[in-house]
PDB file of N, CA and C in Angstrom:
ATOM      1  N   MET A   1       0.841  -1.186   0.000  1.00  0.00           N
ATOM      2  CA  MET A   1       0.000   0.000   0.000  1.00  0.00           C
ATOM      3  C   MET A   1       0.885   1.248   0.000  1.00  0.00           C
ATOM      4  N   GLU A   2       0.534   2.179  -0.851  1.00  0.00           N
ATOM      5  CA  GLU A   2       1.281   3.430  -0.928  1.00  0.00           C
ATOM      6  C   GLU A   2       0.836   4.359   0.195  1.00  0.00           C
ATOM      7  N   THR A   3       1.800   4.941   0.905  1.00  0.00           N
ATOM      8  CA  THR A   3       1.455   5.844   2.010  1.00  0.00           C
ATOM      9  C   THR A   3       2.024   7.249   1.821  1.00  0.00           C
ATOM     10  N   ILE A   4       2.924   7.423   0.859  1.00  0.00           N
ATOM     11  CA  ILE A   4       3.514   8.730   0.567  1.00  0.00           C
ATOM     12  C   ILE A   4       3.214   9.060  -0.894  1.00  0.00           C
ATOM     13  N   TYR A   5       2.731  10.276  -1.133  1.00  0.00           N
ATOM     14  CA  TYR A   5       2.349  10.696  -2.478  1.00  0.00           C
ATOM     15  C   TYR A   5       3.072  11.982  -2.842  1.00  0.00           C
ATOM     16  N   GLU A   6       3.628  12.019  -4.046  1.00  0.00           N
ATOM     17  CA  GLU A   6       4.312  13.219  -4.521  1.00  0.00           C
ATOM     18  C   GLU A   6       3.298  14.162  -5.168  1.00  0.00           C
ATOM     19  N   PHE A   7       3.606  15.451  -5.128  1.00  0.00           N
ATOM     20  CA  PHE A   7       2.739  16.444  -5.760  1.00  0.00           C
ATOM     21  C   PHE A   7       3.568  17.577  -6.325  1.00  0.00           C
ATOM     22  N   THR A   8       2.951  18.334  -7.217  1.00  0.00           N
ATOM     23  CA  THR A   8       3.515  19.572  -7.740  1.00  0.00           C
ATOM     24  C   THR A   8       2.436  20.636  -7.607  1.00  0.00           C
ATOM     25  N   LEU A   9       2.708  21.634  -6.819  1.00  0.00           N
ATOM     26  CA  LEU A   9       1.728  22.697  -6.582  1.00  0.00           C
ATOM     27  C   LEU A   9       1.484  23.495  -7.869  1.00  0.00           C
ATOM     28  N   PRO A  10       0.260  23.914  -8.107  1.00  0.00           N
ATOM     29  CA  PRO A  10      -0.042  24.693  -9.310  1.00  0.00           C
ATOM     30  C   PRO A  10       0.715  26.025  -9.380  1.00  0.00           C
ATOM     31  N   LYS A  11       0.827  26.702  -8.254  1.00  0.00           N
ATOM     32  CA  LYS A  11       1.513  28.006  -8.222  1.00  0.00           C
ATOM     33  C   LYS A  11       2.877  27.897  -7.536  1.00  0.00           C
ATOM     34  N   GLY A  12       2.902  27.312  -6.349  1.00  0.00           N
ATOM     35  CA  GLY A  12       4.140  27.153  -5.603  1.00  0.00           C
ATOM     36  C   GLY A  12       4.234  28.080  -4.403  1.00  0.00           C
ATOM     37  N   TYR A  13       4.987  27.633  -3.408  1.00  0.00           N
ATOM     38  CA  TYR A  13       5.216  28.426  -2.198  1.00  0.00           C
ATOM     39  C   TYR A  13       6.393  29.364  -2.454  1.00  0.00           C
ATOM     40  N   MET A  14       6.181  30.651  -2.210  1.00  0.00           N
ATOM     41  CA  MET A  14       7.233  31.649  -2.384  1.00  0.00           C
ATOM     42  C   MET A  14       7.840  31.950  -1.022  1.00  0.00           C
ATOM     43  N   ASP A  15       9.123  31.618  -0.847  1.00  0.00           N
ATOM     44  CA  ASP A  15       9.760  31.860   0.445  1.00  0.00           C
ATOM     45  C   ASP A  15      10.200  33.317   0.565  1.00  0.00           C
ATOM     46  N   SER A  16      10.776  33.663   1.715  1.00  0.00           N
ATOM     47  CA  SER A  16      11.140  35.061   1.987  1.00  0.00           C
ATOM     48  C   SER A  16      12.270  35.571   1.090  1.00  0.00           C
ATOM     49  N   GLN A  17      13.016  34.666   0.452  1.00  0.00           N
ATOM     50  CA  GLN A  17      14.070  35.066  -0.482  1.00  0.00           C
ATOM     51  C   GLN A  17      13.562  35.138  -1.923  1.00  0.00           C
ATOM     52  N   GLY A  18      12.259  34.878  -2.108  1.00  0.00           N
ATOM     53  CA  GLY A  18      11.681  34.938  -3.438  1.00  0.00           C
ATOM     54  C   GLY A  18      11.825  33.650  -4.230  1.00  0.00           C
ATOM     55  N   GLU A  19      12.291  32.587  -3.581  1.00  0.00           N
ATOM     56  CA  GLU A  19      12.444  31.302  -4.260  1.00  0.00           C
ATOM     57  C   GLU A  19      11.116  30.551  -4.252  1.00  0.00           C
ATOM     58  N   LEU A  20      10.802  29.926  -5.380  1.00  0.00           N
ATOM     59  CA  LEU A  20       9.548  29.199  -5.538  1.00  0.00           C
ATOM     60  C   LEU A  20       9.766  27.713  -5.275  1.00  0.00           C
ATOM     61  N   HIS A  21       8.881  27.129  -4.481  1.00  0.00           N
ATOM     62  CA  HIS A  21       8.943  25.702  -4.129  1.00  0.00           C
ATOM     63  C   HIS A  21       7.631  25.064  -4.570  1.00  0.00           C
ATOM     64  N   ARG A  22       7.696  24.107  -5.502  1.00  0.00           N
ATOM     65  CA  ARG A  22       6.456  23.525  -6.038  1.00  0.00           C
ATOM     66  C   ARG A  22       6.307  22.033  -5.761  1.00  0.00           C
ATOM     67  N   ARG A  23       7.394  21.300  -5.744  1.00  0.00           N
ATOM     68  CA  ARG A  23       7.293  19.846  -5.583  1.00  0.00           C
ATOM     69  C   ARG A  23       7.361  19.460  -4.114  1.00  0.00           C
ATOM     70  N   GLY A  24       6.582  18.451  -3.753  1.00  0.00           N
ATOM     71  CA  GLY A  24       6.586  18.012  -2.368  1.00  0.00           C
ATOM     72  C   GLY A  24       6.007  16.619  -2.219  1.00  0.00           C
ATOM     73  N   ARG A  25       5.799  16.243  -0.967  1.00  0.00           N
ATOM     74  CA  ARG A  25       5.246  14.933  -0.634  1.00  0.00           C
ATOM     75  C   ARG A  25       4.208  15.080   0.472  1.00  0.00           C
ATOM     76  N   MET A  26       3.180  14.242   0.382  1.00  0.00           N
ATOM     77  CA  MET A  26       2.147  14.187   1.404  1.00  0.00           C
ATOM     78  C   MET A  26       1.976  12.723   1.800  1.00  0.00           C
ATOM     79  N   ARG A  27       1.850  12.491   3.103  1.00  0.00           N
ATOM     80  CA  ARG A  27       1.618  11.134   3.585  1.00  0.00           C
ATOM     81  C   ARG A  27       0.154  10.968   3.957  1.00  0.00           C
ATOM     82  N   LEU A  28      -0.269   9.714   4.062  1.00  0.00           N
ATOM     83  CA  LEU A  28      -1.620   9.437   4.531  1.00  0.00           C
ATOM     84  C   LEU A  28      -1.782   9.969   5.953  1.00  0.00           C
ATOM     85  N   ALA A  29      -2.956  10.438   6.271  1.00  0.00           N
ATOM     86  CA  ALA A  29      -3.241  10.932   7.618  1.00  0.00           C
ATOM     87  C   ALA A  29      -3.564   9.770   8.542  1.00  0.00           C
ATOM     88  N   THR A  30      -3.264   9.959   9.806  1.00  0.00           N
ATOM     89  CA  THR A  30      -3.626   8.977  10.830  1.00  0.00           C
ATOM     90  C   THR A  30      -4.750   9.559  11.684  1.00  0.00           C
ATOM     91  N   ALA A  31      -5.378   8.694  12.436  1.00  0.00           N
ATOM     92  CA  ALA A  31      -6.407   9.168  13.368  1.00  0.00           C
ATOM     93  C   ALA A  31      -5.793  10.151  14.348  1.00  0.00           C
ATOM     94  N   GLY A  32      -4.556   9.877  14.766  1.00  0.00           N
ATOM     95  CA  GLY A  32      -3.861  10.773  15.690  1.00  0.00           C
ATOM     96  C   GLY A  32      -3.647  12.159  15.116  1.00  0.00           C
ATOM     97  N   ASP A  33      -3.365  12.238  13.810  1.00  0.00           N
ATOM     98  CA  ASP A  33      -3.208  13.547  13.156  1.00  0.00           C
ATOM     99  C   ASP A  33      -4.491  14.357  13.287  1.00  0.00           C
ATOM    100  N   GLU A  34      -5.599  13.706  12.986  1.00  0.00           N
ATOM    101  CA  GLU A  34      -6.878  14.422  13.016  1.00  0.00           C
ATOM    102  C   GLU A  34      -7.287  14.805  14.436  1.00  0.00           C
ATOM    103  N   ILE A  35      -7.055  13.907  15.380  1.00  0.00           N
ATOM    104  CA  ILE A  35      -7.403  14.204  16.776  1.00  0.00           C
ATOM    105  C   ILE A  35      -6.540  15.334  17.324  1.00  0.00           C
ATOM    106  N   SER A  36      -5.225  15.248  17.108  1.00  0.00           N
ATOM    107  CA  SER A  36      -4.352  16.296  17.650  1.00  0.00           C
ATOM    108  C   SER A  36      -4.618  17.641  16.986  1.00  0.00           C
ATOM    109  N   ALA A  37      -4.989  17.625  15.715  1.00  0.00           N
ATOM    110  CA  ALA A  37      -5.295  18.887  15.031  1.00  0.00           C
ATOM    111  C   ALA A  37      -6.527  19.553  15.639  1.00  0.00           C
ATOM    112  N   THR A  38      -7.521  18.759  16.013  1.00  0.00           N
ATOM    113  CA  THR A  38      -8.727  19.356  16.609  1.00  0.00           C
ATOM    114  C   THR A  38      -8.470  19.909  18.005  1.00  0.00           C
ATOM    115  N   ARG A  39      -7.397  19.450  18.638  1.00  0.00           N
ATOM    116  CA  ARG A  39      -7.049  19.938  19.985  1.00  0.00           C
ATOM    117  C   ARG A  39      -6.073  21.101  19.970  1.00  0.00           C
ATOM    118  N   ASP A  40      -5.558  21.441  18.786  1.00  0.00           N
ATOM    119  CA  ASP A  40      -4.595  22.525  18.648  1.00  0.00           C
ATOM    120  C   ASP A  40      -5.244  23.843  19.097  1.00  0.00           C
ATOM    121  N   PRO A  41      -4.555  24.642  19.912  1.00  0.00           N
ATOM    122  CA  PRO A  41      -5.127  25.904  20.402  1.00  0.00           C
ATOM    123  C   PRO A  41      -5.564  26.852  19.286  1.00  0.00           C
ATOM    124  N   ARG A  42      -4.850  26.845  18.158  1.00  0.00           N
ATOM    125  CA  ARG A  42      -5.230  27.720  17.041  1.00  0.00           C
ATOM    126  C   ARG A  42      -6.560  27.289  16.434  1.00  0.00           C
ATOM    127  N   VAL A  43      -6.804  25.982  16.420  1.00  0.00           N
ATOM    128  CA  VAL A  43      -8.061  25.449  15.895  1.00  0.00           C
ATOM    129  C   VAL A  43      -9.195  25.711  16.886  1.00  0.00           C
ATOM    130  N   LEU A  44      -8.902  25.568  18.179  1.00  0.00           N
ATOM    131  CA  LEU A  44      -9.913  25.850  19.200  1.00  0.00           C
ATOM    132  C   LEU A  44     -10.344  27.319  19.144  1.00  0.00           C
ATOM    133  N   ALA A  45      -9.405  28.206  18.842  1.00  0.00           N
ATOM    134  CA  ALA A  45      -9.715  29.632  18.737  1.00  0.00           C
ATOM    135  C   ALA A  45     -10.402  29.971  17.418  1.00  0.00           C
ATOM    136  N   ASN A  46     -10.083  29.218  16.358  1.00  0.00           N
ATOM    137  CA  ASN A  46     -10.652  29.472  15.035  1.00  0.00           C
ATOM    138  C   ASN A  46     -10.762  28.146  14.287  1.00  0.00           C
ATOM    139  N   PRO A  47     -11.934  27.517  14.283  1.00  0.00           N
ATOM    140  CA  PRO A  47     -12.111  26.207  13.649  1.00  0.00           C
ATOM    141  C   PRO A  47     -11.705  26.159  12.172  1.00  0.00           C
ATOM    142  N   SER A  48     -11.706  27.297  11.491  1.00  0.00           N
ATOM    143  CA  SER A  48     -11.282  27.332  10.091  1.00  0.00           C
ATOM    144  C   SER A  48      -9.803  26.983   9.936  1.00  0.00           C
ATOM    145  N   TYR A  49      -9.058  27.063  11.004  1.00  0.00           N
ATOM    146  CA  TYR A  49      -7.616  26.793  10.986  1.00  0.00           C
ATOM    147  C   TYR A  49      -7.315  25.292  10.939  1.00  0.00           C
ATOM    148  N   LEU A  50      -8.341  24.445  11.092  1.00  0.00           N
ATOM    149  CA  LEU A  50      -8.140  22.996  11.107  1.00  0.00           C
ATOM    150  C   LEU A  50      -7.413  22.510   9.858  1.00  0.00           C
ATOM    151  N   THR A  51      -7.814  22.984   8.708  1.00  0.00           N
ATOM    152  CA  THR A  51      -7.181  22.575   7.454  1.00  0.00           C
ATOM    153  C   THR A  51      -5.692  22.893   7.455  1.00  0.00           C
ATOM    154  N   ILE A  52      -5.343  24.072   7.941  1.00  0.00           N
ATOM    155  CA  ILE A  52      -3.939  24.498   7.971  1.00  0.00           C
ATOM    156  C   ILE A  52      -3.119  23.557   8.851  1.00  0.00           C
ATOM    157  N   VAL A  53      -3.605  23.294  10.048  1.00  0.00           N
ATOM    158  CA  VAL A  53      -2.874  22.441  10.994  1.00  0.00           C
ATOM    159  C   VAL A  53      -2.769  21.021  10.457  1.00  0.00           C
ATOM    160  N   LEU A  54      -3.849  20.507   9.936  1.00  0.00           N
ATOM    161  CA  LEU A  54      -3.856  19.144   9.422  1.00  0.00           C
ATOM    162  C   LEU A  54      -2.895  18.982   8.245  1.00  0.00           C
ATOM    163  N   LEU A  55      -2.931  19.913   7.311  1.00  0.00           N
ATOM    164  CA  LEU A  55      -2.004  19.823   6.179  1.00  0.00           C
ATOM    165  C   LEU A  55      -0.554  19.961   6.628  1.00  0.00           C
ATOM    166  N   SER A  56      -0.296  20.765   7.647  1.00  0.00           N
ATOM    167  CA  SER A  56       1.083  20.920   8.127  1.00  0.00           C
ATOM    168  C   SER A  56       1.608  19.616   8.733  1.00  0.00           C
ATOM    169  N   LYS A  57       0.700  18.739   9.163  1.00  0.00           N
ATOM    170  CA  LYS A  57       1.110  17.446   9.713  1.00  0.00           C
ATOM    171  C   LYS A  57       1.391  16.425   8.620  1.00  0.00           C
ATOM    172  N   VAL A  58       0.637  16.469   7.511  1.00  0.00           N
ATOM    173  CA  VAL A  58       0.752  15.425   6.496  1.00  0.00           C
ATOM    174  C   VAL A  58       1.625  15.809   5.302  1.00  0.00           C
ATOM    175  N   VAL A  59       1.849  17.107   5.072  1.00  0.00           N
ATOM    176  CA  VAL A  59       2.794  17.509   4.026  1.00  0.00           C
ATOM    177  C   VAL A  59       4.180  17.372   4.648  1.00  0.00           C
ATOM    178  N   THR A  60       4.882  16.343   4.228  1.00  0.00           N
ATOM    179  CA  THR A  60       6.147  15.993   4.870  1.00  0.00           C
ATOM    180  C   THR A  60       7.353  16.663   4.230  1.00  0.00           C
ATOM    181  N   GLU A  61       7.162  17.153   3.016  1.00  0.00           N
ATOM    182  CA  GLU A  61       8.305  17.724   2.316  1.00  0.00           C
ATOM    183  C   GLU A  61       7.842  18.743   1.292  1.00  0.00           C
ATOM    184  N   LEU A  62       8.588  19.832   1.196  1.00  0.00           N
ATOM    185  CA  LEU A  62       8.419  20.816   0.141  1.00  0.00           C
ATOM    186  C   LEU A  62       9.830  21.138  -0.321  1.00  0.00           C
ATOM    187  N   GLU A  63      10.130  20.860  -1.590  1.00  0.00           N
ATOM    188  CA  GLU A  63      11.498  20.944  -2.098  1.00  0.00           C
ATOM    189  C   GLU A  63      12.229  22.200  -1.622  1.00  0.00           C
ATOM    190  N   GLY A  64      13.422  21.997  -1.113  1.00  0.00           N
ATOM    191  CA  GLY A  64      14.249  23.110  -0.696  1.00  0.00           C
ATOM    192  C   GLY A  64      13.921  23.706   0.659  1.00  0.00           C
ATOM    193  N   MET A  65      12.926  23.170   1.340  1.00  0.00           N
ATOM    194  CA  MET A  65      12.536  23.685   2.654  1.00  0.00           C
ATOM    195  C   MET A  65      13.019  22.725   3.731  1.00  0.00           C
ATOM    196  N   ASP A  66      13.474  23.271   4.863  1.00  0.00           N
ATOM    197  CA  ASP A  66      13.920  22.424   5.973  1.00  0.00           C
ATOM    198  C   ASP A  66      12.742  21.697   6.614  1.00  0.00           C
ATOM    199  N   SER A  67      11.611  22.392   6.713  1.00  0.00           N
ATOM    200  CA  SER A  67      10.425  21.788   7.316  1.00  0.00           C
ATOM    201  C   SER A  67       9.184  22.482   6.773  1.00  0.00           C
ATOM    202  N   VAL A  68       8.042  21.829   6.951  1.00  0.00           N
ATOM    203  CA  VAL A  68       6.760  22.409   6.565  1.00  0.00           C
ATOM    204  C   VAL A  68       5.973  22.624   7.852  1.00  0.00           C
ATOM    205  N   THR A  69       5.633  23.873   8.112  1.00  0.00           N
ATOM    206  CA  THR A  69       4.914  24.222   9.336  1.00  0.00           C
ATOM    207  C   THR A  69       3.544  24.791   8.978  1.00  0.00           C
ATOM    208  N   ALA A  70       2.737  25.044   9.989  1.00  0.00           N
ATOM    209  CA  ALA A  70       1.440  25.682   9.761  1.00  0.00           C
ATOM    210  C   ALA A  70       1.631  27.054   9.110  1.00  0.00           C
ATOM    211  N   THR A  71       2.678  27.752   9.480  1.00  0.00           N
ATOM    212  CA  THR A  71       2.962  29.055   8.876  1.00  0.00           C
ATOM    213  C   THR A  71       3.246  28.906   7.388  1.00  0.00           C
ATOM    214  N   THR A  72       3.964  27.858   7.008  1.00  0.00           N
ATOM    215  CA  THR A  72       4.236  27.594   5.596  1.00  0.00           C
ATOM    216  C   THR A  72       2.922  27.394   4.844  1.00  0.00           C
ATOM    217  N   ILE A  73       2.054  26.536   5.373  1.00  0.00           N
ATOM    218  CA  ILE A  73       0.775  26.241   4.732  1.00  0.00           C
ATOM    219  C   ILE A  73      -0.087  27.501   4.664  1.00  0.00           C
ATOM    220  N   GLU A  74      -0.043  28.295   5.715  1.00  0.00           N
ATOM    221  CA  GLU A  74      -0.796  29.554   5.776  1.00  0.00           C
ATOM    222  C   GLU A  74      -0.423  30.503   4.649  1.00  0.00           C
ATOM    223  N   GLN A  75       0.831  30.468   4.242  1.00  0.00           N
ATOM    224  CA  GLN A  75       1.336  31.409   3.245  1.00  0.00           C
ATOM    225  C   GLN A  75       1.218  30.903   1.806  1.00  0.00           C
ATOM    226  N   LEU A  76       0.599  29.744   1.612  1.00  0.00           N
ATOM    227  CA  LEU A  76       0.390  29.239   0.252  1.00  0.00           C
ATOM    228  C   LEU A  76      -0.638  30.096  -0.473  1.00  0.00           C
ATOM    229  N   PHE A  77      -0.523  30.138  -1.779  1.00  0.00           N
ATOM    230  CA  PHE A  77      -1.568  30.775  -2.585  1.00  0.00           C
ATOM    231  C   PHE A  77      -2.830  29.931  -2.445  1.00  0.00           C
ATOM    232  N   THR A  78      -3.989  30.544  -2.579  1.00  0.00           N
ATOM    233  CA  THR A  78      -5.247  29.820  -2.382  1.00  0.00           C
ATOM    234  C   THR A  78      -5.398  28.658  -3.354  1.00  0.00           C
ATOM    235  N   ALA A  79      -4.898  28.779  -4.574  1.00  0.00           N
ATOM    236  CA  ALA A  79      -4.971  27.673  -5.537  1.00  0.00           C
ATOM    237  C   ALA A  79      -4.191  26.465  -5.021  1.00  0.00           C
ATOM    238  N   ASP A  80      -3.049  26.714  -4.376  1.00  0.00           N
ATOM    239  CA  ASP A  80      -2.236  25.621  -3.838  1.00  0.00           C
ATOM    240  C   ASP A  80      -2.889  24.994  -2.619  1.00  0.00           C
ATOM    241  N   LEU A  81      -3.495  25.812  -1.772  1.00  0.00           N
ATOM    242  CA  LEU A  81      -4.208  25.283  -0.607  1.00  0.00           C
ATOM    243  C   LEU A  81      -5.364  24.392  -1.068  1.00  0.00           C
ATOM    244  N   ALA A  82      -6.126  24.850  -2.043  1.00  0.00           N
ATOM    245  CA  ALA A  82      -7.240  24.060  -2.575  1.00  0.00           C
ATOM    246  C   ALA A  82      -6.734  22.754  -3.182  1.00  0.00           C
ATOM    247  N   TYR A  83      -5.618  22.819  -3.875  1.00  0.00           N
ATOM    248  CA  TYR A  83      -5.017  21.622  -4.480  1.00  0.00           C
ATOM    249  C   TYR A  83      -4.663  20.602  -3.398  1.00  0.00           C
ATOM    250  N   LEU A  84      -4.017  21.056  -2.327  1.00  0.00           N
ATOM    251  CA  LEU A  84      -3.624  20.143  -1.241  1.00  0.00           C
ATOM    252  C   LEU A  84      -4.843  19.599  -0.494  1.00  0.00           C
ATOM    253  N   GLN A  85      -5.868  20.417  -0.305  1.00  0.00           N
ATOM    254  CA  GLN A  85      -7.091  19.935   0.339  1.00  0.00           C
ATOM    255  C   GLN A  85      -7.727  18.824  -0.493  1.00  0.00           C
ATOM    256  N   ASP A  86      -7.800  19.035  -1.793  1.00  0.00           N
ATOM    257  CA  ASP A  86      -8.372  18.030  -2.688  1.00  0.00           C
ATOM    258  C   ASP A  86      -7.534  16.747  -2.659  1.00  0.00           C
ATOM    259  N   MET A  87      -6.223  16.890  -2.695  1.00  0.00           N
ATOM    260  CA  MET A  87      -5.336  15.732  -2.652  1.00  0.00           C
ATOM    261  C   MET A  87      -5.516  14.967  -1.345  1.00  0.00           C
ATOM    262  N   TYR A  88      -5.599  15.693  -0.231  1.00  0.00           N
ATOM    263  CA  TYR A  88      -5.812  15.069   1.076  1.00  0.00           C
ATOM    264  C   TYR A  88      -7.077  14.218   1.052  1.00  0.00           C
ATOM    265  N   GLN A  89      -8.148  14.775   0.530  1.00  0.00           N
ATOM    266  CA  GLN A  89      -9.411  14.042   0.475  1.00  0.00           C
ATOM    267  C   GLN A  89      -9.303  12.810  -0.412  1.00  0.00           C
ATOM    268  N   ARG A  90      -8.636  12.943  -1.561  1.00  0.00           N
ATOM    269  CA  ARG A  90      -8.516  11.812  -2.484  1.00  0.00           C
ATOM    270  C   ARG A  90      -7.664  10.684  -1.902  1.00  0.00           C
ATOM    271  N   ILE A  91      -6.492  10.995  -1.366  1.00  0.00           N
ATOM    272  CA  ILE A  91      -5.606   9.912  -0.910  1.00  0.00           C
ATOM    273  C   ILE A  91      -6.092   9.272   0.378  1.00  0.00           C
ATOM    274  N   ASN A  92      -6.871  10.008   1.159  1.00  0.00           N
ATOM    275  CA  ASN A  92      -7.411   9.453   2.400  1.00  0.00           C
ATOM    276  C   ASN A  92      -8.828   8.914   2.219  1.00  0.00           C
ATOM    277  N   ASP A  93      -9.269   8.840   0.970  1.00  0.00           N
ATOM    278  CA  ASP A  93     -10.599   8.317   0.629  1.00  0.00           C
ATOM    279  C   ASP A  93     -11.720   9.009   1.392  1.00  0.00           C
ATOM    280  N   VAL A  94     -11.603  10.310   1.528  1.00  0.00           N
ATOM    281  CA  VAL A  94     -12.656  11.086   2.171  1.00  0.00           C
ATOM    282  C   VAL A  94     -13.748  11.305   1.125  1.00  0.00           C
ATOM    283  N   GLU A  95     -14.960  10.970   1.475  1.00  0.00           N
ATOM    284  CA  GLU A  95     -16.077  11.132   0.547  1.00  0.00           C
ATOM    285  C   GLU A  95     -16.293  12.612   0.243  1.00  0.00           C
ATOM    286  N   PRO A  96     -16.382  12.966  -1.057  1.00  0.00           N
ATOM    287  CA  PRO A  96     -16.663  14.367  -1.372  1.00  0.00           C
ATOM    288  C   PRO A  96     -18.111  14.701  -1.016  1.00  0.00           C
ATOM    289  N   PRO A  97     -18.380  15.956  -0.707  1.00  0.00           N
ATOM    290  CA  PRO A  97     -19.763  16.330  -0.418  1.00  0.00           C
ATOM    291  C   PRO A  97     -20.605  16.182  -1.689  1.00  0.00           C
ATOM    292  N   VAL A  98     -21.882  15.893  -1.502  1.00  0.00           N
ATOM    293  CA  VAL A  98     -22.790  15.763  -2.640  1.00  0.00           C
ATOM    294  C   VAL A  98     -23.942  16.736  -2.485  1.00  0.00           C
ATOM    295  N   MET A  99     -24.531  17.064  -3.610  1.00  0.00           N
ATOM    296  CA  MET A  99     -25.677  17.954  -3.624  1.00  0.00           C
ATOM    297  C   MET A  99     -26.810  17.225  -4.351  1.00  0.00           C
ATOM    298  N   GLN A 100     -27.996  17.273  -3.783  1.00  0.00           N
ATOM    299  CA  GLN A 100     -29.141  16.666  -4.459  1.00  0.00           C
ATOM    300  C   GLN A 100     -29.655  17.633  -5.518  1.00  0.00           C
ATOM    301  N   CYS A 101     -29.879  17.095  -6.705  1.00  0.00           N
ATOM    302  CA  CYS A 101     -30.379  17.892  -7.825  1.00  0.00           C
ATOM    303  C   CYS A 101     -31.654  17.259  -8.361  1.00  0.00           C
ATOM    304  N   ILE A 102     -32.482  18.083  -8.949  1.00  0.00           N
ATOM    305  CA  ILE A 102     -33.717  17.611  -9.572  1.00  0.00           C
ATOM    306  C   ILE A 102     -33.673  17.999 -11.046  1.00  0.00           C
ATOM    307  N   CYS A 103     -33.853  17.013 -11.894  1.00  0.00           N
ATOM    308  CA  CYS A 103     -33.885  17.279 -13.329  1.00  0.00           C
ATOM    309  C   CYS A 103     -35.130  18.109 -13.642  1.00  0.00           C
ATOM    310  N   PRO A 104     -34.946  19.265 -14.279  1.00  0.00           N
ATOM    311  CA  PRO A 104     -36.100  20.116 -14.573  1.00  0.00           C
ATOM    312  C   PRO A 104     -37.043  19.511 -15.612  1.00  0.00           C
ATOM    313  N   ASP A 105     -36.536  18.576 -16.411  1.00  0.00           N
ATOM    314  CA  ASP A 105     -37.372  17.975 -17.451  1.00  0.00           C
ATOM    315  C   ASP A 105     -38.201  16.805 -16.931  1.00  0.00           C
ATOM    316  N   CYS A 106     -37.527  15.850 -16.242  1.00  0.00           N
ATOM    317  CA  CYS A 106     -38.230  14.631 -15.828  1.00  0.00           C
ATOM    318  C   CYS A 106     -38.562  14.589 -14.343  1.00  0.00           C
ATOM    319  N   GLY A 107     -37.963  15.486 -13.539  1.00  0.00           N
ATOM    320  CA  GLY A 107     -38.227  15.518 -12.109  1.00  0.00           C
ATOM    321  C   GLY A 107     -37.461  14.484 -11.307  1.00  0.00           C
ATOM    322  N   ARG A 108     -36.568  13.736 -11.965  1.00  0.00           N
ATOM    323  CA  ARG A 108     -35.765  12.724 -11.263  1.00  0.00           C
ATOM    324  C   ARG A 108     -34.789  13.401 -10.303  1.00  0.00           C
ATOM    325  N   VAL A 109     -34.652  12.848  -9.098  1.00  0.00           N
ATOM    326  CA  VAL A 109     -33.722  13.359  -8.094  1.00  0.00           C
ATOM    327  C   VAL A 109     -32.447  12.532  -8.180  1.00  0.00           C
ATOM    328  N   PHE A 110     -31.299  13.212  -8.198  1.00  0.00           N
ATOM    329  CA  PHE A 110     -30.014  12.516  -8.232  1.00  0.00           C
ATOM    330  C   PHE A 110     -28.988  13.328  -7.458  1.00  0.00           C
ATOM    331  N   GLU A 111     -27.874  12.654  -7.095  1.00  0.00           N
ATOM    332  CA  GLU A 111     -26.806  13.318  -6.345  1.00  0.00           C
ATOM    333  C   GLU A 111     -25.623  13.589  -7.250  1.00  0.00           C
ATOM    334  N   VAL A 112     -25.034  14.766  -7.060  1.00  0.00           N
ATOM    335  CA  VAL A 112     -23.874  15.173  -7.833  1.00  0.00           C
ATOM    336  C   VAL A 112     -22.759  15.508  -6.852  1.00  0.00           C
ATOM    337  N   PRO A 113     -21.552  14.881  -7.008  1.00  0.00           N
ATOM    338  CA  PRO A 113     -20.438  15.244  -6.122  1.00  0.00           C
ATOM    339  C   PRO A 113     -20.004  16.683  -6.375  1.00  0.00           C
ATOM    340  N   ILE A 114     -19.636  17.364  -5.303  1.00  0.00           N
ATOM    341  CA  ILE A 114     -19.183  18.748  -5.400  1.00  0.00           C
ATOM    342  C   ILE A 114     -17.662  18.743  -5.304  1.00  0.00           C
ATOM    343  N   ASN A 115     -16.998  19.309  -6.293  1.00  0.00           N
ATOM    344  CA  ASN A 115     -15.549  19.436  -6.294  1.00  0.00           C
ATOM    345  C   ASN A 115     -15.232  20.928  -6.301  1.00  0.00           C
ATOM    346  N   PHE A 116     -14.878  21.472  -5.145  1.00  0.00           N
ATOM    347  CA  PHE A 116     -14.641  22.908  -5.023  1.00  0.00           C
ATOM    348  C   PHE A 116     -13.383  23.370  -5.723  1.00  0.00           C
ATOM    349  N   THR A 117     -12.499  22.420  -6.101  1.00  0.00           N
ATOM    350  CA  THR A 117     -11.239  22.817  -6.718  1.00  0.00           C
ATOM    351  C   THR A 117     -11.257  22.668  -8.227  1.00  0.00           C
ATOM    352  N   GLN A 118     -12.320  22.156  -8.795  1.00  0.00           N
ATOM    353  CA  GLN A 118     -12.400  21.923 -10.223  1.00  0.00           C
ATOM    354  C   GLN A 118     -12.585  23.249 -10.946  1.00  0.00           C
ATOM    355  N   GLU A 119     -11.816  23.424 -12.036  1.00  0.00           N
ATOM    356  CA  GLU A 119     -11.937  24.648 -12.825  1.00  0.00           C
ATOM    357  C   GLU A 119     -12.858  24.400 -14.000  1.00  0.00           C
ATOM    358  N   GLY A 120     -13.492  25.490 -14.463  1.00  0.00           N
ATOM    359  CA  GLY A 120     -14.291  25.460 -15.668  1.00  0.00           C
ATOM    360  C   GLY A 120     -15.526  24.710 -15.489  1.00  0.00           C
TER     361      GLY A 120
END
């Protein structure tokens, strides 16, 4: 079973010296990762921060960087954050949210997966 996945960010992380870092690795999340992230003081103060903390635990490498921290993830371009969120969901088999739709012609009800990172 594969537990480490390589990625290339669409935009890349720009460090303080102006260097761009695009390639990296993400590992599968553990139950402990998710539990400890929910207990993080930053998440307790702002639940929206959960994604940042969780990604900082599972993104194990970003080319040319000594470490990946929550601050690193915080400073990503939004396209890169969305890319990593989508990747996290895919590799950890997290079910995407669905929306119920009704066909205007026949009235049939069906579910459509929602992909917030899909373009066009």
